[in-house]
Amino acid sequence: MKQNDEQEVKNDSQEISSFNSVTDHYRNIMGVPTNKVDMKKMPRVLRFFGYFVFAVIAVCSVIFIVMYLLQFL
């Protein structure tokens, strides 16, 4: 029983608070998730896919900036 109470407290501390009453209403009606994503709980394939997509976006952004700056030389 004690372990369940600790997990509930831990989950409540990670909950994202509402910005105002409109977002609170939208969250209650539409069911928007309120907890932050814990990458350690996701399956390994999804984690690697997310890291890969983020890395590709970062590399493409750096290449774009370098190419943009090289056109002025």
PDB file of N, CA and C in Angstrom:
ATOM      1  N   MET A   1       0.827  -1.195   0.000  1.00  0.00           N
ATOM      2  CA  MET A   1       0.000   0.000   0.000  1.00  0.00           C
ATOM      3  C   MET A   1       0.867   1.253   0.000  1.00  0.00           C
ATOM      4  N   LYS A   2       1.929   1.216   0.757  1.00  0.00           N
ATOM      5  CA  LYS A   2       2.802   2.388   0.849  1.00  0.00           C
ATOM      6  C   LYS A   2       3.453   2.691  -0.489  1.00  0.00           C
ATOM      7  N   GLN A   3       3.797   1.650  -1.238  1.00  0.00           N
ATOM      8  CA  GLN A   3       4.451   1.840  -2.522  1.00  0.00           C
ATOM      9  C   GLN A   3       3.514   2.520  -3.521  1.00  0.00           C
ATOM     10  N   ASN A   4       2.249   2.150  -3.519  1.00  0.00           N
ATOM     11  CA  ASN A   4       1.286   2.778  -4.415  1.00  0.00           C
ATOM     12  C   ASN A   4       1.114   4.262  -4.105  1.00  0.00           C
ATOM     13  N   ASP A   5       1.095   4.608  -2.814  1.00  0.00           N
ATOM     14  CA  ASP A   5       0.971   6.006  -2.414  1.00  0.00           C
ATOM     15  C   ASP A   5       2.168   6.812  -2.881  1.00  0.00           C
ATOM     16  N   GLU A   6       3.368   6.237  -2.779  1.00  0.00           N
ATOM     17  CA  GLU A   6       4.576   6.940  -3.224  1.00  0.00           C
ATOM     18  C   GLU A   6       4.561   7.145  -4.730  1.00  0.00           C
ATOM     19  N   GLN A   7       4.068   6.151  -5.480  1.00  0.00           N
ATOM     20  CA  GLN A   7       3.998   6.289  -6.930  1.00  0.00           C
ATOM     21  C   GLN A   7       3.003   7.374  -7.325  1.00  0.00           C
ATOM     22  N   GLU A   8       1.877   7.454  -6.617  1.00  0.00           N
ATOM     23  CA  GLU A   8       0.892   8.485  -6.920  1.00  0.00           C
ATOM     24  C   GLU A   8       1.451   9.870  -6.651  1.00  0.00           C
ATOM     25  N   VAL A   9       2.184  10.023  -5.558  1.00  0.00           N
ATOM     26  CA  VAL A   9       2.790  11.314  -5.244  1.00  0.00           C
ATOM     27  C   VAL A   9       3.823  11.675  -6.305  1.00  0.00           C
ATOM     28  N   LYS A  10       4.614  10.696  -6.734  1.00  0.00           N
ATOM     29  CA  LYS A  10       5.628  10.935  -7.760  1.00  0.00           C
ATOM     30  C   LYS A  10       4.972  11.334  -9.073  1.00  0.00           C
ATOM     31  N   ASN A  11       3.885  10.653  -9.442  1.00  0.00           N
ATOM     32  CA  ASN A  11       3.189  10.983 -10.679  1.00  0.00           C
ATOM     33  C   ASN A  11       2.546  12.362 -10.615  1.00  0.00           C
ATOM     34  N   ASP A  12       2.027  12.750  -9.453  1.00  0.00           N
ATOM     35  CA  ASP A  12       1.397  14.053  -9.316  1.00  0.00           C
ATOM     36  C   ASP A  12       2.414  15.180  -9.443  1.00  0.00           C
ATOM     37  N   SER A  13       3.651  14.961  -9.001  1.00  0.00           N
ATOM     38  CA  SER A  13       4.658  16.019  -9.066  1.00  0.00           C
ATOM     39  C   SER A  13       5.103  16.283 -10.495  1.00  0.00           C
ATOM     40  N   GLN A  14       4.929  15.317 -11.406  1.00  0.00           N
ATOM     41  CA  GLN A  14       5.333  15.492 -12.789  1.00  0.00           C
ATOM     42  C   GLN A  14       4.207  16.036 -13.654  1.00  0.00           C
ATOM     43  N   GLU A  15       3.052  16.255 -13.093  1.00  0.00           N
ATOM     44  CA  GLU A  15       1.916  16.728 -13.868  1.00  0.00           C
ATOM     45  C   GLU A  15       2.105  18.191 -14.242  1.00  0.00           C
ATOM     46  N   ILE A  16       1.768  18.530 -15.461  1.00  0.00           N
ATOM     47  CA  ILE A  16       1.902  19.884 -15.961  1.00  0.00           C
ATOM     48  C   ILE A  16       0.664  20.678 -15.540  1.00  0.00           C
ATOM     49  N   SER A  17       0.871  21.827 -14.914  1.00  0.00           N
ATOM     50  CA  SER A  17      -0.261  22.615 -14.459  1.00  0.00           C
ATOM     51  C   SER A  17      -0.873  23.388 -15.622  1.00  0.00           C
ATOM     52  N   SER A  18      -2.140  23.787 -15.460  1.00  0.00           N
ATOM     53  CA  SER A  18      -2.843  24.529 -16.501  1.00  0.00           C
ATOM     54  C   SER A  18      -2.371  25.972 -16.544  1.00  0.00           C
ATOM     55  N   PHE A  19      -2.370  26.527 -17.753  1.00  0.00           N
ATOM     56  CA  PHE A  19      -1.976  27.922 -17.940  1.00  0.00           C
ATOM     57  C   PHE A  19      -3.066  28.859 -17.438  1.00  0.00           C
ATOM     58  N   ASN A  20      -4.311  28.555 -17.784  1.00  0.00           N
ATOM     59  CA  ASN A  20      -5.448  29.345 -17.322  1.00  0.00           C
ATOM     60  C   ASN A  20      -6.696  28.473 -17.357  1.00  0.00           C
ATOM     61  N   SER A  21      -7.853  29.049 -17.084  1.00  0.00           N
ATOM     62  CA  SER A  21      -9.077  28.253 -17.011  1.00  0.00           C
ATOM     63  C   SER A  21      -9.490  27.694 -18.372  1.00  0.00           C
ATOM     64  N   VAL A  22      -9.126  28.378 -19.445  1.00  0.00           N
ATOM     65  CA  VAL A  22      -9.489  27.895 -20.784  1.00  0.00           C
ATOM     66  C   VAL A  22      -8.730  26.602 -21.092  1.00  0.00           C
ATOM     67  N   THR A  23      -7.428  26.597 -20.840  1.00  0.00           N
ATOM     68  CA  THR A  23      -6.650  25.384 -21.101  1.00  0.00           C
ATOM     69  C   THR A  23      -7.064  24.257 -20.151  1.00  0.00           C
ATOM     70  N   ASP A  24      -7.445  24.580 -18.936  1.00  0.00           N
ATOM     71  CA  ASP A  24      -7.930  23.569 -18.010  1.00  0.00           C
ATOM     72  C   ASP A  24      -9.225  22.953 -18.522  1.00  0.00           C
ATOM     73  N   HIS A  25     -10.135  23.778 -19.014  1.00  0.00           N
ATOM     74  CA  HIS A  25     -11.394  23.289 -19.574  1.00  0.00           C
ATOM     75  C   HIS A  25     -11.124  22.416 -20.801  1.00  0.00           C
ATOM     76  N   TYR A  26     -10.249  22.870 -21.691  1.00  0.00           N
ATOM     77  CA  TYR A  26      -9.917  22.102 -22.899  1.00  0.00           C
ATOM     78  C   TYR A  26      -9.299  20.760 -22.522  1.00  0.00           C
ATOM     79  N   ARG A  27      -8.429  20.777 -21.506  1.00  0.00           N
ATOM     80  CA  ARG A  27      -7.779  19.543 -21.068  1.00  0.00           C
ATOM     81  C   ARG A  27      -8.814  18.570 -20.512  1.00  0.00           C
ATOM     82  N   ASN A  28      -9.789  19.067 -19.756  1.00  0.00           N
ATOM     83  CA  ASN A  28     -10.799  18.188 -19.175  1.00  0.00           C
ATOM     84  C   ASN A  28     -11.768  17.660 -20.219  1.00  0.00           C
ATOM     85  N   ILE A  29     -12.146  18.486 -21.191  1.00  0.00           N
ATOM     86  CA  ILE A  29     -13.112  18.066 -22.203  1.00  0.00           C
ATOM     87  C   ILE A  29     -12.464  17.194 -23.272  1.00  0.00           C
ATOM     88  N   MET A  30     -11.314  17.623 -23.800  1.00  0.00           N
ATOM     89  CA  MET A  30     -10.675  16.918 -24.903  1.00  0.00           C
ATOM     90  C   MET A  30      -9.755  15.791 -24.440  1.00  0.00           C
ATOM     91  N   GLY A  31      -9.312  15.828 -23.203  1.00  0.00           N
ATOM     92  CA  GLY A  31      -8.464  14.762 -22.699  1.00  0.00           C
ATOM     93  C   GLY A  31      -7.002  14.905 -23.094  1.00  0.00           C
ATOM     94  N   VAL A  32      -6.471  16.092 -23.018  1.00  0.00           N
ATOM     95  CA  VAL A  32      -5.078  16.335 -23.346  1.00  0.00           C
ATOM     96  C   VAL A  32      -4.204  15.734 -22.249  1.00  0.00           C
ATOM     97  N   PRO A  33      -3.097  15.045 -22.600  1.00  0.00           N
ATOM     98  CA  PRO A  33      -2.237  14.463 -21.563  1.00  0.00           C
ATOM     99  C   PRO A  33      -1.620  15.532 -20.669  1.00  0.00           C
ATOM    100  N   THR A  34      -1.509  15.228 -19.377  1.00  0.00           N
ATOM    101  CA  THR A  34      -0.996  16.211 -18.435  1.00  0.00           C
ATOM    102  C   THR A  34       0.378  15.852 -17.894  1.00  0.00           C
ATOM    103  N   ASN A  35       0.854  14.653 -18.151  1.00  0.00           N
ATOM    104  CA  ASN A  35       2.145  14.230 -17.613  1.00  0.00           C
ATOM    105  C   ASN A  35       3.242  14.402 -18.658  1.00  0.00           C
ATOM    106  N   LYS A  36       4.451  14.699 -18.175  1.00  0.00           N
ATOM    107  CA  LYS A  36       5.592  14.795 -19.070  1.00  0.00           C
ATOM    108  C   LYS A  36       5.980  13.404 -19.548  1.00  0.00           C
ATOM    109  N   VAL A  37       6.597  13.342 -20.720  1.00  0.00           N
ATOM    110  CA  VAL A  37       7.003  12.065 -21.292  1.00  0.00           C
ATOM    111  C   VAL A  37       8.266  11.589 -20.594  1.00  0.00           C
ATOM    112  N   ASP A  38       8.249  10.348 -20.143  1.00  0.00           N
ATOM    113  CA  ASP A  38       9.432   9.737 -19.549  1.00  0.00           C
ATOM    114  C   ASP A  38      10.040   8.813 -20.594  1.00  0.00           C
ATOM    115  N   MET A  39      11.160   9.240 -21.172  1.00  0.00           N
ATOM    116  CA  MET A  39      11.770   8.483 -22.257  1.00  0.00           C
ATOM    117  C   MET A  39      12.251   7.100 -21.797  1.00  0.00           C
ATOM    118  N   LYS A  40      12.559   6.941 -20.524  1.00  0.00           N
ATOM    119  CA  LYS A  40      13.049   5.659 -20.038  1.00  0.00           C
ATOM    120  C   LYS A  40      11.959   4.593 -20.024  1.00  0.00           C
ATOM    121  N   LYS A  41      10.697   5.004 -19.988  1.00  0.00           N
ATOM    122  CA  LYS A  41       9.596   4.048 -19.964  1.00  0.00           C
ATOM    123  C   LYS A  41       9.138   3.655 -21.361  1.00  0.00           C
ATOM    124  N   MET A  42       9.597   4.371 -22.375  1.00  0.00           N
ATOM    125  CA  MET A  42       9.181   4.057 -23.739  1.00  0.00           C
ATOM    126  C   MET A  42       9.934   2.837 -24.257  1.00  0.00           C
ATOM    127  N   PRO A  43       9.354   2.098 -25.208  1.00  0.00           N
ATOM    128  CA  PRO A  43      10.071   0.964 -25.797  1.00  0.00           C
ATOM    129  C   PRO A  43      11.347   1.433 -26.487  1.00  0.00           C
ATOM    130  N   ARG A  44      12.336   0.545 -26.512  1.00  0.00           N
ATOM    131  CA  ARG A  44      13.653   0.885 -27.045  1.00  0.00           C
ATOM    132  C   ARG A  44      13.584   1.346 -28.499  1.00  0.00           C
ATOM    133  N   VAL A  45      12.755   0.712 -29.320  1.00  0.00           N
ATOM    134  CA  VAL A  45      12.652   1.073 -30.736  1.00  0.00           C
ATOM    135  C   VAL A  45      12.144   2.511 -30.892  1.00  0.00           C
ATOM    136  N   LEU A  46      11.139   2.889 -30.115  1.00  0.00           N
ATOM    137  CA  LEU A  46      10.608   4.245 -30.198  1.00  0.00           C
ATOM    138  C   LEU A  46      11.613   5.277 -29.702  1.00  0.00           C
ATOM    139  N   ARG A  47      12.365   4.933 -28.645  1.00  0.00           N
ATOM    140  CA  ARG A  47      13.392   5.853 -28.152  1.00  0.00           C
ATOM    141  C   ARG A  47      14.441   6.104 -29.215  1.00  0.00           C
ATOM    142  N   PHE A  48      14.938   5.027 -29.842  1.00  0.00           N
ATOM    143  CA  PHE A  48      15.966   5.184 -30.867  1.00  0.00           C
ATOM    144  C   PHE A  48      15.429   5.944 -32.073  1.00  0.00           C
ATOM    145  N   PHE A  49      14.172   5.699 -32.433  1.00  0.00           N
ATOM    146  CA  PHE A  49      13.572   6.443 -33.539  1.00  0.00           C
ATOM    147  C   PHE A  49      13.491   7.928 -33.204  1.00  0.00           C
ATOM    148  N   GLY A  50      13.093   8.256 -31.987  1.00  0.00           N
ATOM    149  CA  GLY A  50      13.024   9.653 -31.571  1.00  0.00           C
ATOM    150  C   GLY A  50      14.389  10.310 -31.565  1.00  0.00           C
ATOM    151  N   TYR A  51      15.397   9.603 -31.048  1.00  0.00           N
ATOM    152  CA  TYR A  51      16.755  10.141 -31.055  1.00  0.00           C
ATOM    153  C   TYR A  51      17.248  10.330 -32.485  1.00  0.00           C
ATOM    154  N   PHE A  52      16.934   9.377 -33.378  1.00  0.00           N
ATOM    155  CA  PHE A  52      17.358   9.472 -34.771  1.00  0.00           C
ATOM    156  C   PHE A  52      16.723  10.678 -35.458  1.00  0.00           C
ATOM    157  N   VAL A  53      15.434  10.865 -35.273  1.00  0.00           N
ATOM    158  CA  VAL A  53      14.745  11.999 -35.899  1.00  0.00           C
ATOM    159  C   VAL A  53      15.301  13.316 -35.365  1.00  0.00           C
ATOM    160  N   PHE A  54      15.513  13.399 -34.065  1.00  0.00           N
ATOM    161  CA  PHE A  54      16.073  14.615 -33.475  1.00  0.00           C
ATOM    162  C   PHE A  54      17.474  14.884 -34.020  1.00  0.00           C
ATOM    163  N   ALA A  55      18.283  13.835 -34.148  1.00  0.00           N
ATOM    164  CA  ALA A  55      19.648  13.990 -34.662  1.00  0.00           C
ATOM    165  C   ALA A  55      19.639  14.449 -36.125  1.00  0.00           C
ATOM    166  N   VAL A  56      18.744  13.887 -36.926  1.00  0.00           N
ATOM    167  CA  VAL A  56      18.656  14.285 -38.336  1.00  0.00           C
ATOM    168  C   VAL A  56      18.244  15.746 -38.452  1.00  0.00           C
ATOM    169  N   ILE A  57      17.293  16.179 -37.651  1.00  0.00           N
ATOM    170  CA  ILE A  57      16.866  17.577 -37.674  1.00  0.00           C
ATOM    171  C   ILE A  57      18.007  18.488 -37.256  1.00  0.00           C
ATOM    172  N   ALA A  58      18.746  18.102 -36.232  1.00  0.00           N
ATOM    173  CA  ALA A  58      19.867  18.918 -35.757  1.00  0.00           C
ATOM    174  C   ALA A  58      20.966  19.013 -36.811  1.00  0.00           C
ATOM    175  N   VAL A  59      21.315  17.892 -37.429  1.00  0.00           N
ATOM    176  CA  VAL A  59      22.369  17.888 -38.453  1.00  0.00           C
ATOM    177  C   VAL A  59      21.936  18.705 -39.662  1.00  0.00           C
ATOM    178  N   CYS A  60      20.698  18.551 -40.092  1.00  0.00           N
ATOM    179  CA  CYS A  60      20.204  19.327 -41.238  1.00  0.00           C
ATOM    180  C   CYS A  60      20.191  20.820 -40.921  1.00  0.00           C
ATOM    181  N   SER A  61      19.868  21.181 -39.698  1.00  0.00           N
ATOM    182  CA  SER A  61      19.876  22.596 -39.314  1.00  0.00           C
ATOM    183  C   SER A  61      21.285  23.167 -39.365  1.00  0.00           C
ATOM    184  N   VAL A  62      22.246  22.405 -38.862  1.00  0.00           N
ATOM    185  CA  VAL A  62      23.634  22.865 -38.905  1.00  0.00           C
ATOM    186  C   VAL A  62      24.111  22.987 -40.343  1.00  0.00           C
ATOM    187  N   ILE A  63      23.800  22.025 -41.189  1.00  0.00           N
ATOM    188  CA  ILE A  63      24.196  22.085 -42.597  1.00  0.00           C
ATOM    189  C   ILE A  63      23.551  23.290 -43.271  1.00  0.00           C
ATOM    190  N   PHE A  64      22.292  23.555 -42.980  1.00  0.00           N
ATOM    191  CA  PHE A  64      21.613  24.704 -43.572  1.00  0.00           C
ATOM    192  C   PHE A  64      22.295  26.010 -43.169  1.00  0.00           C
ATOM    193  N   ILE A  65      22.641  26.144 -41.909  1.00  0.00           N
ATOM    194  CA  ILE A  65      23.291  27.372 -41.437  1.00  0.00           C
ATOM    195  C   ILE A  65      24.655  27.539 -42.086  1.00  0.00           C
ATOM    196  N   VAL A  66      25.418  26.440 -42.179  1.00  0.00           N
ATOM    197  CA  VAL A  66      26.738  26.517 -42.816  1.00  0.00           C
ATOM    198  C   VAL A  66      26.610  26.895 -44.280  1.00  0.00           C
ATOM    199  N   MET A  67      25.686  26.274 -44.999  1.00  0.00           N
ATOM    200  CA  MET A  67      25.498  26.591 -46.418  1.00  0.00           C
ATOM    201  C   MET A  67      25.032  28.030 -46.604  1.00  0.00           C
ATOM    202  N   TYR A  68      24.197  28.512 -45.709  1.00  0.00           N
ATOM    203  CA  TYR A  68      23.718  29.887 -45.791  1.00  0.00           C
ATOM    204  C   TYR A  68      24.868  30.872 -45.584  1.00  0.00           C
ATOM    205  N   LEU A  69      25.734  30.570 -44.638  1.00  0.00           N
ATOM    206  CA  LEU A  69      26.866  31.460 -44.375  1.00  0.00           C
ATOM    207  C   LEU A  69      27.918  31.381 -45.489  1.00  0.00           C
ATOM    208  N   LEU A  70      28.058  30.232 -46.136  1.00  0.00           N
ATOM    209  CA  LEU A  70      29.044  30.086 -47.198  1.00  0.00           C
ATOM    210  C   LEU A  70      28.672  30.856 -48.455  1.00  0.00           C
ATOM    211  N   GLN A  71      27.414  31.147 -48.657  1.00  0.00           N
ATOM    212  CA  GLN A  71      27.038  31.868 -49.866  1.00  0.00           C
ATOM    213  C   GLN A  71      27.485  33.321 -49.829  1.00  0.00           C
ATOM    214  N   PHE A  72      27.851  33.840 -48.648  1.00  0.00           N
ATOM    215  CA  PHE A  72      28.282  35.232 -48.543  1.00  0.00           C
ATOM    216  C   PHE A  72      29.802  35.357 -48.685  1.00  0.00           C
ATOM    217  N   LEU A  73      30.523  34.261 -48.813  1.00  0.00           N
ATOM    218  CA  LEU A  73      31.984  34.334 -48.949  1.00  0.00           C
ATOM    219  C   LEU A  73      32.408  34.490 -50.375  1.00  0.00           C
TER     220      LEU A  73
END
